[in-house]
Amino acid sequence: MPEAADHSNTKSPLHRRRVMYQTDVTSYGEGIVTAHDEQTGTVIVMDVDDGSFWRGSDSDVEVIV
């Protein structure tokens, strides 16, 4: 079983920020950034409503807090 990436020492300005994220053309969610890879532009967001995780581009998120 592959090991999860260790993001515990991240210094990203998006890490632990509350964001709106776009899931498709007309749908959005709200969550907390749990990981951000600045080199690839990828973020992982935990949804505040249902606890699910969304992975996508950092260009698809907007910081709200």
N, C-alpha and C. Protein backbone atom coordinates (compact mmCIF):
# COMPACT_ATOMS: atom_id res chain seq x y z
N MET A 1 0.85 -1.18 0.00
CA MET A 1 0.00 0.00 0.00
C MET A 1 0.89 1.24 0.00
N PRO A 2 0.67 2.20 -0.91
CA PRO A 2 1.53 3.39 -0.96
C PRO A 2 1.33 4.26 0.27
N GLU A 3 2.42 4.90 0.67
CA GLU A 3 2.36 5.80 1.83
C GLU A 3 1.84 7.16 1.41
N ALA A 4 1.15 7.82 2.32
CA ALA A 4 0.65 9.16 2.07
C ALA A 4 1.81 10.15 2.09
N ALA A 5 1.72 11.18 1.30
CA ALA A 5 2.76 12.21 1.29
C ALA A 5 2.75 12.95 2.62
N ASP A 6 3.93 13.30 3.09
CA ASP A 6 4.06 14.03 4.35
C ASP A 6 4.03 15.52 4.06
N HIS A 7 2.94 16.18 4.43
CA HIS A 7 2.80 17.62 4.22
C HIS A 7 2.87 18.39 5.54
N SER A 8 3.42 17.76 6.58
CA SER A 8 3.39 18.36 7.91
C SER A 8 4.28 19.59 8.04
N ASN A 9 5.28 19.73 7.18
CA ASN A 9 6.21 20.86 7.29
C ASN A 9 5.97 21.91 6.22
N THR A 10 4.79 21.91 5.64
CA THR A 10 4.51 22.84 4.55
C THR A 10 4.52 24.29 5.03
N LYS A 11 5.01 25.17 4.18
CA LYS A 11 5.06 26.60 4.50
C LYS A 11 4.23 27.40 3.51
N SER A 12 3.37 26.74 2.79
CA SER A 12 2.56 27.38 1.78
C SER A 12 1.64 28.43 2.39
N PRO A 13 1.48 29.57 1.72
CA PRO A 13 0.54 30.58 2.21
C PRO A 13 -0.92 30.12 2.15
N LEU A 14 -1.21 29.05 1.42
CA LEU A 14 -2.58 28.54 1.35
C LEU A 14 -2.87 27.50 2.43
N HIS A 15 -1.85 26.91 3.02
CA HIS A 15 -2.05 25.84 4.00
C HIS A 15 -2.90 26.33 5.16
N ARG A 16 -3.96 25.58 5.48
CA ARG A 16 -4.91 25.87 6.55
C ARG A 16 -5.76 27.12 6.32
N ARG A 17 -5.83 27.59 5.09
CA ARG A 17 -6.70 28.73 4.78
C ARG A 17 -8.07 28.22 4.38
N ARG A 18 -9.10 28.98 4.71
CA ARG A 18 -10.48 28.64 4.30
C ARG A 18 -10.67 29.20 2.90
N VAL A 19 -11.16 28.36 2.00
CA VAL A 19 -11.27 28.75 0.59
C VAL A 19 -12.60 28.31 0.00
N MET A 20 -12.97 28.97 -1.06
CA MET A 20 -14.04 28.52 -1.96
C MET A 20 -13.32 27.81 -3.09
N TYR A 21 -13.85 26.66 -3.52
CA TYR A 21 -13.21 25.94 -4.63
C TYR A 21 -14.26 25.56 -5.65
N GLN A 22 -13.85 25.58 -6.90
CA GLN A 22 -14.76 25.31 -8.00
C GLN A 22 -14.69 23.84 -8.36
N THR A 23 -15.83 23.15 -8.25
CA THR A 23 -15.88 21.72 -8.55
C THR A 23 -16.27 21.43 -9.99
N ASP A 24 -16.99 22.33 -10.61
CA ASP A 24 -17.28 22.27 -12.05
C ASP A 24 -17.71 23.66 -12.50
N VAL A 25 -18.24 23.78 -13.67
CA VAL A 25 -18.53 25.09 -14.26
C VAL A 25 -19.43 25.96 -13.38
N THR A 26 -20.44 25.35 -12.73
CA THR A 26 -21.39 26.15 -11.95
C THR A 26 -21.45 25.78 -10.47
N SER A 27 -20.61 24.85 -10.01
CA SER A 27 -20.68 24.39 -8.62
C SER A 27 -19.43 24.77 -7.84
N TYR A 28 -19.67 25.14 -6.57
CA TYR A 28 -18.58 25.54 -5.69
C TYR A 28 -18.74 24.86 -4.34
N GLY A 29 -17.63 24.72 -3.64
CA GLY A 29 -17.64 24.21 -2.28
C GLY A 29 -16.81 25.12 -1.40
N GLU A 30 -16.88 24.90 -0.10
CA GLU A 30 -16.09 25.68 0.84
C GLU A 30 -15.33 24.70 1.73
N GLY A 31 -14.06 24.99 1.96
CA GLY A 31 -13.27 24.06 2.76
C GLY A 31 -11.97 24.66 3.24
N ILE A 32 -11.16 23.80 3.86
CA ILE A 32 -9.87 24.18 4.43
C ILE A 32 -8.77 23.49 3.62
N VAL A 33 -7.76 24.25 3.21
CA VAL A 33 -6.64 23.66 2.48
C VAL A 33 -5.80 22.83 3.45
N THR A 34 -5.67 21.54 3.17
CA THR A 34 -4.88 20.66 4.02
C THR A 34 -3.50 20.41 3.44
N ALA A 35 -3.31 20.65 2.16
CA ALA A 35 -2.01 20.50 1.52
C ALA A 35 -1.96 21.36 0.26
N HIS A 36 -0.76 21.87 -0.02
CA HIS A 36 -0.57 22.67 -1.23
C HIS A 36 0.83 22.41 -1.76
N ASP A 37 0.91 21.91 -2.97
CA ASP A 37 2.20 21.72 -3.63
C ASP A 37 2.40 22.89 -4.58
N GLU A 38 3.23 23.82 -4.17
CA GLU A 38 3.44 25.03 -4.97
C GLU A 38 4.13 24.74 -6.29
N GLN A 39 4.93 23.68 -6.36
CA GLN A 39 5.63 23.35 -7.60
C GLN A 39 4.67 22.87 -8.68
N THR A 40 3.68 22.07 -8.30
CA THR A 40 2.73 21.56 -9.28
C THR A 40 1.45 22.38 -9.34
N GLY A 41 1.23 23.24 -8.34
CA GLY A 41 0.01 24.04 -8.30
C GLY A 41 -1.20 23.25 -7.85
N THR A 42 -0.98 22.16 -7.11
CA THR A 42 -2.07 21.29 -6.66
C THR A 42 -2.41 21.56 -5.20
N VAL A 43 -3.70 21.59 -4.89
CA VAL A 43 -4.16 21.74 -3.50
C VAL A 43 -5.07 20.58 -3.15
N ILE A 44 -5.13 20.27 -1.85
CA ILE A 44 -6.11 19.33 -1.32
C ILE A 44 -6.93 20.12 -0.31
N VAL A 45 -8.24 20.09 -0.49
CA VAL A 45 -9.16 20.86 0.35
C VAL A 45 -10.12 19.90 1.05
N MET A 46 -10.29 20.08 2.38
CA MET A 46 -11.29 19.31 3.12
C MET A 46 -12.56 20.14 3.20
N ASP A 47 -13.64 19.62 2.67
CA ASP A 47 -14.92 20.32 2.64
C ASP A 47 -15.47 20.49 4.05
N VAL A 48 -15.94 21.71 4.36
CA VAL A 48 -16.46 21.99 5.71
C VAL A 48 -17.85 21.42 5.94
N ASP A 49 -18.59 21.12 4.89
CA ASP A 49 -19.94 20.59 5.05
C ASP A 49 -19.97 19.08 5.30
N ASP A 50 -19.19 18.33 4.50
CA ASP A 50 -19.29 16.87 4.62
C ASP A 50 -17.97 16.16 4.91
N GLY A 51 -16.86 16.91 5.03
CA GLY A 51 -15.58 16.29 5.37
C GLY A 51 -14.90 15.58 4.21
N SER A 52 -15.48 15.65 3.02
CA SER A 52 -14.85 15.02 1.86
C SER A 52 -13.64 15.84 1.43
N PHE A 53 -12.78 15.22 0.63
CA PHE A 53 -11.58 15.90 0.14
C PHE A 53 -11.69 16.15 -1.35
N TRP A 54 -11.22 17.30 -1.76
CA TRP A 54 -11.18 17.69 -3.16
C TRP A 54 -9.74 18.00 -3.51
N ARG A 55 -9.27 17.49 -4.63
CA ARG A 55 -7.92 17.77 -5.11
C ARG A 55 -8.04 18.48 -6.45
N GLY A 56 -7.33 19.59 -6.59
CA GLY A 56 -7.40 20.32 -7.84
C GLY A 56 -6.33 21.39 -7.92
N SER A 57 -6.50 22.27 -8.86
CA SER A 57 -5.54 23.33 -9.12
C SER A 57 -5.70 24.48 -8.13
N ASP A 58 -4.57 25.08 -7.73
CA ASP A 58 -4.66 26.23 -6.83
C ASP A 58 -5.29 27.44 -7.52
N SER A 59 -5.38 27.40 -8.85
CA SER A 59 -6.05 28.49 -9.55
C SER A 59 -7.57 28.39 -9.46
N ASP A 60 -8.07 27.25 -8.96
CA ASP A 60 -9.51 27.05 -8.80
C ASP A 60 -9.99 27.31 -7.39
N VAL A 61 -9.14 27.91 -6.55
CA VAL A 61 -9.56 28.24 -5.18
C VAL A 61 -9.43 29.74 -4.95
N GLU A 62 -10.29 30.24 -4.06
CA GLU A 62 -10.25 31.65 -3.68
C GLU A 62 -10.28 31.72 -2.17
N VAL A 63 -9.27 32.37 -1.58
CA VAL A 63 -9.19 32.49 -0.12
C VAL A 63 -10.31 33.38 0.37
N ILE A 64 -11.05 32.91 1.39
CA ILE A 64 -12.12 33.73 1.97
C ILE A 64 -11.82 34.11 3.41
N VAL A 65 -10.93 33.38 4.08
CA VAL A 65 -10.52 33.74 5.46
C VAL A 65 -9.05 33.40 5.59
